[in-house]
Amino acid sequence: MALNATIHVLEIELADTDRSVYESLALRVARHPSEAEDYLLTRVLAYCLEYTDGIAFSSGLSAPDEPAIAVRDRTGALQAWIDIGVPDAARVHRASKAAPRVAVYTHKPPEQLRRALAGERIHKVDALQLIAVDRDLIAAWVRRLERRMKIGLSVSGGQIYLDLGKETLEGTNRSFTLADAEAG
């Protein structure tokens, strides 16, 4: 018997002062049985940190050639390809040819992503945005994950604050390049 996806309903009050983005988001996010909770929450965090007109989650496993999160303009043209985790170099190469902007949010150690991409042929590799998500922040959020949540997400000066009602979690994501990761 096939297992069904778990639906998480997240009401997020987003206040990103760094980008002047203030939105109330009502997200219904499906988590496939094979999807780890840290991956799910990294997807949600990336969506919020990238929030703009035209942003959308992909159809998931039924659309393996699509980004985890896409930003499209009003004509439907792909403007940003946002991936999660440790995509292989061929996928990142294809993404950078398909979209003017490519970002990868990894909840794994940055060295793991660097190893996956090092020495591989990637179109516009210097324009690739790599973001190491604060693993402690994600781990703390995973421990508090519920199927229905009201969340306040604030970003100020690069610092991330997650208000989960009775508790506030904080962390900082780190941008890096493939060269940075090699240096340590």
C-alpha atoms as a PDB file:
ATOM      1  CA  MET A   1       0.000   0.000   0.000  1.00  0.00           C
ATOM      2  CA  ALA A   2       1.410   3.375  -1.007  1.00  0.00           C
ATOM      3  CA  LEU A   3       1.782   5.984   1.683  1.00  0.00           C
ATOM      4  CA  ASN A   4       0.180   9.381   1.189  1.00  0.00           C
ATOM      5  CA  ALA A   5       1.850  12.745   1.538  1.00  0.00           C
ATOM      6  CA  THR A   6       1.492  14.584   4.825  1.00  0.00           C
ATOM      7  CA  ILE A   7       0.020  18.060   4.405  1.00  0.00           C
ATOM      8  CA  HIS A   8       1.395  20.828   6.600  1.00  0.00           C
ATOM      9  CA  VAL A   9      -0.642  24.022   6.867  1.00  0.00           C
ATOM     10  CA  LEU A  10       1.621  26.934   7.737  1.00  0.00           C
ATOM     11  CA  GLU A  11       0.379  30.451   8.358  1.00  0.00           C
ATOM     12  CA  ILE A  12       3.465  32.628   8.157  1.00  0.00           C
ATOM     13  CA  GLU A  13       3.744  36.318   8.920  1.00  0.00           C
ATOM     14  CA  LEU A  14       6.833  37.266   6.919  1.00  0.00           C
ATOM     15  CA  ALA A  15       8.723  40.440   7.817  1.00  0.00           C
ATOM     16  CA  ASP A  16      11.951  40.594   5.823  1.00  0.00           C
ATOM     17  CA  THR A  17      13.338  44.047   6.558  1.00  0.00           C
ATOM     18  CA  ASP A  18      16.481  43.292   4.536  1.00  0.00           C
ATOM     19  CA  ARG A  19      14.378  43.084   1.335  1.00  0.00           C
ATOM     20  CA  SER A  20      11.375  45.193   2.445  1.00  0.00           C
ATOM     21  CA  VAL A  21       9.033  42.217   2.049  1.00  0.00           C
ATOM     22  CA  TYR A  22       6.050  42.039   4.403  1.00  0.00           C
ATOM     23  CA  GLU A  23       3.468  39.357   3.622  1.00  0.00           C
ATOM     24  CA  SER A  24       0.959  37.028   5.221  1.00  0.00           C
ATOM     25  CA  LEU A  25       1.492  33.609   3.667  1.00  0.00           C
ATOM     26  CA  ALA A  26      -0.935  30.688   3.885  1.00  0.00           C
ATOM     27  CA  LEU A  27       1.048  27.651   2.737  1.00  0.00           C
ATOM     28  CA  ARG A  28      -0.220  24.113   2.265  1.00  0.00           C
ATOM     29  CA  VAL A  29       2.962  22.108   1.867  1.00  0.00           C
ATOM     30  CA  ALA A  30       2.913  18.432   0.991  1.00  0.00           C
ATOM     31  CA  ARG A  31       5.643  16.239   2.479  1.00  0.00           C
ATOM     32  CA  HIS A  32       6.172  13.004   0.588  1.00  0.00           C
ATOM     33  CA  PRO A  33       6.823   9.987   2.845  1.00  0.00           C
ATOM     34  CA  SER A  34      10.422   9.847   1.580  1.00  0.00           C
ATOM     35  CA  GLU A  35      11.046  13.548   2.301  1.00  0.00           C
ATOM     36  CA  ALA A  36      12.900  14.293   5.525  1.00  0.00           C
ATOM     37  CA  GLU A  37      11.472  16.967   7.806  1.00  0.00           C
ATOM     38  CA  ASP A  38      14.686  19.032   7.618  1.00  0.00           C
ATOM     39  CA  TYR A  39      14.384  19.086   3.810  1.00  0.00           C
ATOM     40  CA  LEU A  40      10.727  20.156   4.081  1.00  0.00           C
ATOM     41  CA  LEU A  41      11.529  23.020   6.453  1.00  0.00           C
ATOM     42  CA  THR A  42      14.501  24.115   4.341  1.00  0.00           C
ATOM     43  CA  ARG A  43      12.082  24.285   1.378  1.00  0.00           C
ATOM     44  CA  VAL A  44       9.675  26.417   3.401  1.00  0.00           C
ATOM     45  CA  LEU A  45      12.445  28.696   4.672  1.00  0.00           C
ATOM     46  CA  ALA A  46      13.884  29.127   1.155  1.00  0.00           C
ATOM     47  CA  TYR A  47      10.406  29.953  -0.170  1.00  0.00           C
ATOM     48  CA  CYS A  48      10.007  32.670   2.461  1.00  0.00           C
ATOM     49  CA  LEU A  49      13.497  34.092   1.992  1.00  0.00           C
ATOM     50  CA  GLU A  50      12.993  34.188  -1.781  1.00  0.00           C
ATOM     51  CA  TYR A  51       9.361  35.325  -1.650  1.00  0.00           C
ATOM     52  CA  THR A  52       8.398  37.529  -4.590  1.00  0.00           C
ATOM     53  CA  ASP A  53       5.664  37.743  -7.212  1.00  0.00           C
ATOM     54  CA  GLY A  54       5.517  34.573  -9.315  1.00  0.00           C
ATOM     55  CA  ILE A  55       7.075  32.217  -6.751  1.00  0.00           C
ATOM     56  CA  ALA A  56       5.727  28.667  -6.469  1.00  0.00           C
ATOM     57  CA  PHE A  57       6.660  25.230  -5.166  1.00  0.00           C
ATOM     58  CA  SER A  58       7.064  22.537  -7.809  1.00  0.00           C
ATOM     59  CA  SER A  59       4.770  19.542  -8.092  1.00  0.00           C
ATOM     60  CA  GLY A  60       7.387  17.520  -6.226  1.00  0.00           C
ATOM     61  CA  LEU A  61       8.272  13.986  -7.245  1.00  0.00           C
ATOM     62  CA  SER A  62       5.875  14.128 -10.178  1.00  0.00           C
ATOM     63  CA  ALA A  63       8.028  16.868 -11.742  1.00  0.00           C
ATOM     64  CA  PRO A  64      11.660  15.741 -11.306  1.00  0.00           C
ATOM     65  CA  ASP A  65      12.936  18.108 -14.008  1.00  0.00           C
ATOM     66  CA  GLU A  66      11.497  21.173 -12.256  1.00  0.00           C
ATOM     67  CA  PRO A  67      13.138  23.177  -9.479  1.00  0.00           C
ATOM     68  CA  ALA A  68      11.943  22.713  -5.892  1.00  0.00           C
ATOM     69  CA  ILE A  69      10.878  26.368  -6.070  1.00  0.00           C
ATOM     70  CA  ALA A  70      10.474  28.441  -9.219  1.00  0.00           C
ATOM     71  CA  VAL A  71       9.969  32.126  -9.835  1.00  0.00           C
ATOM     72  CA  ARG A  72       8.237  32.949 -13.114  1.00  0.00           C
ATOM     73  CA  ASP A  73       7.368  36.287 -14.651  1.00  0.00           C
ATOM     74  CA  ARG A  74       3.883  37.139 -15.919  1.00  0.00           C
ATOM     75  CA  THR A  75       4.584  35.498 -19.263  1.00  0.00           C
ATOM     76  CA  GLY A  76       5.511  32.238 -17.532  1.00  0.00           C
ATOM     77  CA  ALA A  77       9.218  32.566 -18.283  1.00  0.00           C
ATOM     78  CA  LEU A  78      11.452  31.065 -15.604  1.00  0.00           C
ATOM     79  CA  GLN A  79      13.320  33.820 -13.730  1.00  0.00           C
ATOM     80  CA  ALA A  80      14.804  31.859 -10.815  1.00  0.00           C
ATOM     81  CA  TRP A  81      15.483  28.184 -10.171  1.00  0.00           C
ATOM     82  CA  ILE A  82      15.772  27.470  -6.456  1.00  0.00           C
ATOM     83  CA  ASP A  83      16.875  24.020  -5.387  1.00  0.00           C
ATOM     84  CA  ILE A  84      17.203  22.400  -1.979  1.00  0.00           C
ATOM     85  CA  GLY A  85      19.773  20.014  -0.534  1.00  0.00           C
ATOM     86  CA  VAL A  86      22.603  18.615  -2.623  1.00  0.00           C
ATOM     87  CA  PRO A  87      21.548  18.509  -6.293  1.00  0.00           C
ATOM     88  CA  ASP A  88      23.984  16.887  -8.681  1.00  0.00           C
ATOM     89  CA  ALA A  89      26.126  18.933 -11.046  1.00  0.00           C
ATOM     90  CA  ALA A  90      24.116  17.943 -14.142  1.00  0.00           C
ATOM     91  CA  ARG A  91      20.934  19.310 -12.543  1.00  0.00           C
ATOM     92  CA  VAL A  92      22.655  22.579 -11.538  1.00  0.00           C
ATOM     93  CA  HIS A  93      24.148  22.905 -15.050  1.00  0.00           C
ATOM     94  CA  ARG A  94      20.696  22.390 -16.614  1.00  0.00           C
ATOM     95  CA  ALA A  95      19.198  24.896 -14.144  1.00  0.00           C
ATOM     96  CA  SER A  96      21.732  27.600 -14.951  1.00  0.00           C
ATOM     97  CA  LYS A  97      20.959  27.235 -18.649  1.00  0.00           C
ATOM     98  CA  ALA A  98      17.194  27.380 -17.988  1.00  0.00           C
ATOM     99  CA  ALA A  99      17.038  30.378 -15.634  1.00  0.00           C
ATOM    100  CA  PRO A 100      18.877  33.684 -15.270  1.00  0.00           C
ATOM    101  CA  ARG A 101      19.285  33.040 -11.536  1.00  0.00           C
ATOM    102  CA  VAL A 102      20.027  29.791  -9.695  1.00  0.00           C
ATOM    103  CA  ALA A 103      20.198  29.388  -5.922  1.00  0.00           C
ATOM    104  CA  VAL A 104      20.752  26.251  -3.857  1.00  0.00           C
ATOM    105  CA  TYR A 105      19.744  26.189  -0.191  1.00  0.00           C
ATOM    106  CA  THR A 106      21.491  23.311   1.522  1.00  0.00           C
ATOM    107  CA  HIS A 107      20.636  21.945   4.939  1.00  0.00           C
ATOM    108  CA  LYS A 108      23.583  19.569   4.643  1.00  0.00           C
ATOM    109  CA  PRO A 109      27.192  20.521   5.435  1.00  0.00           C
ATOM    110  CA  PRO A 110      28.382  22.936   2.696  1.00  0.00           C
ATOM    111  CA  GLU A 111      31.352  20.648   1.973  1.00  0.00           C
ATOM    112  CA  GLN A 112      28.921  17.959   0.812  1.00  0.00           C
ATOM    113  CA  LEU A 113      27.466  20.299  -1.818  1.00  0.00           C
ATOM    114  CA  ARG A 114      30.939  21.472  -2.827  1.00  0.00           C
ATOM    115  CA  ARG A 115      32.072  17.870  -3.336  1.00  0.00           C
ATOM    116  CA  ALA A 116      29.000  17.145  -5.465  1.00  0.00           C
ATOM    117  CA  LEU A 117      29.728  20.132  -7.727  1.00  0.00           C
ATOM    118  CA  ALA A 118      33.541  20.421  -7.619  1.00  0.00           C
ATOM    119  CA  GLY A 119      35.291  20.075 -10.941  1.00  0.00           C
ATOM    120  CA  GLU A 120      32.036  19.513 -12.818  1.00  0.00           C
ATOM    121  CA  ARG A 121      30.891  21.466 -15.850  1.00  0.00           C
ATOM    122  CA  ILE A 122      28.311  24.006 -14.698  1.00  0.00           C
ATOM    123  CA  HIS A 123      27.051  26.818 -16.912  1.00  0.00           C
ATOM    124  CA  LYS A 124      27.639  30.254 -15.301  1.00  0.00           C
ATOM    125  CA  VAL A 125      29.157  28.652 -12.202  1.00  0.00           C
ATOM    126  CA  ASP A 126      30.330  32.056 -10.909  1.00  0.00           C
ATOM    127  CA  ALA A 127      26.715  33.296 -10.781  1.00  0.00           C
ATOM    128  CA  LEU A 128      25.535  30.297  -8.769  1.00  0.00           C
ATOM    129  CA  GLN A 129      24.210  31.295  -5.331  1.00  0.00           C
ATOM    130  CA  LEU A 130      24.875  28.748  -2.601  1.00  0.00           C
ATOM    131  CA  ILE A 131      23.298  29.206   0.822  1.00  0.00           C
ATOM    132  CA  ALA A 132      24.157  27.082   3.852  1.00  0.00           C
ATOM    133  CA  VAL A 133      20.995  27.075   5.928  1.00  0.00           C
ATOM    134  CA  ASP A 134      21.519  27.339   9.682  1.00  0.00           C
ATOM    135  CA  ARG A 135      21.364  23.646  10.592  1.00  0.00           C
ATOM    136  CA  ASP A 136      20.739  24.319  14.292  1.00  0.00           C
ATOM    137  CA  LEU A 137      17.763  26.537  13.414  1.00  0.00           C
ATOM    138  CA  ILE A 138      16.279  23.854  11.152  1.00  0.00           C
ATOM    139  CA  ALA A 139      16.915  21.094  13.738  1.00  0.00           C
ATOM    140  CA  ALA A 140      15.184  23.115  16.469  1.00  0.00           C
ATOM    141  CA  TRP A 141      12.238  23.803  14.130  1.00  0.00           C
ATOM    142  CA  VAL A 142      11.981  20.098  13.230  1.00  0.00           C
ATOM    143  CA  ARG A 143      11.619  19.234  16.933  1.00  0.00           C
ATOM    144  CA  ARG A 144       8.640  21.626  17.118  1.00  0.00           C
ATOM    145  CA  LEU A 145       7.057  20.790  13.758  1.00  0.00           C
ATOM    146  CA  GLU A 146       3.309  20.303  13.769  1.00  0.00           C
ATOM    147  CA  ARG A 147       0.844  19.730  10.937  1.00  0.00           C
ATOM    148  CA  ARG A 148      -0.713  23.159  11.580  1.00  0.00           C
ATOM    149  CA  MET A 149       1.469  26.043  12.658  1.00  0.00           C
ATOM    150  CA  LYS A 150       1.317  29.812  12.974  1.00  0.00           C
ATOM    151  CA  ILE A 151       4.768  31.263  12.508  1.00  0.00           C
ATOM    152  CA  GLY A 152       6.278  34.702  12.589  1.00  0.00           C
ATOM    153  CA  LEU A 153       9.369  34.807  10.400  1.00  0.00           C
ATOM    154  CA  SER A 154      11.497  37.940  10.628  1.00  0.00           C
ATOM    155  CA  VAL A 155      14.739  38.715   8.844  1.00  0.00           C
ATOM    156  CA  SER A 156      16.868  41.655   9.883  1.00  0.00           C
ATOM    157  CA  GLY A 157      20.544  42.250   9.215  1.00  0.00           C
ATOM    158  CA  GLY A 158      20.883  38.711   7.896  1.00  0.00           C
ATOM    159  CA  GLN A 159      19.581  37.287  11.179  1.00  0.00           C
ATOM    160  CA  ILE A 160      16.519  35.003  11.016  1.00  0.00           C
ATOM    161  CA  TYR A 161      13.950  34.882  13.809  1.00  0.00           C
ATOM    162  CA  LEU A 162      11.213  32.234  13.930  1.00  0.00           C
ATOM    163  CA  ASP A 163       8.423  33.031  16.373  1.00  0.00           C
ATOM    164  CA  LEU A 164       6.637  29.752  17.116  1.00  0.00           C
ATOM    165  CA  GLY A 165       4.222  31.158  19.688  1.00  0.00           C
ATOM    166  CA  LYS A 166       5.788  30.482  23.054  1.00  0.00           C
ATOM    167  CA  GLU A 167       9.310  30.309  21.686  1.00  0.00           C
ATOM    168  CA  THR A 168      11.560  32.232  19.333  1.00  0.00           C
ATOM    169  CA  LEU A 169      14.329  30.483  17.426  1.00  0.00           C
ATOM    170  CA  GLU A 170      17.108  32.388  15.727  1.00  0.00           C
ATOM    171  CA  GLY A 171      19.873  31.680  13.282  1.00  0.00           C
ATOM    172  CA  THR A 172      21.886  32.948  10.350  1.00  0.00           C
ATOM    173  CA  ASN A 173      22.261  31.459   6.890  1.00  0.00           C
ATOM    174  CA  ARG A 174      25.649  31.719   5.204  1.00  0.00           C
ATOM    175  CA  SER A 175      26.221  32.391   1.509  1.00  0.00           C
ATOM    176  CA  PHE A 176      29.242  30.696   0.023  1.00  0.00           C
ATOM    177  CA  THR A 177      30.853  29.925  -3.323  1.00  0.00           C
ATOM    178  CA  LEU A 178      32.461  26.732  -4.503  1.00  0.00           C
ATOM    179  CA  ALA A 179      35.864  28.381  -3.922  1.00  0.00           C
ATOM    180  CA  ASP A 180      34.872  29.400  -0.348  1.00  0.00           C
ATOM    181  CA  ALA A 181      33.873  25.862   0.494  1.00  0.00           C
ATOM    182  CA  GLU A 182      37.234  24.559  -0.746  1.00  0.00           C
ATOM    183  CA  ALA A 183      39.001  27.006   1.554  1.00  0.00           C
ATOM    184  CA  GLY A 184      37.004  25.679   4.520  1.00  0.00           C
END
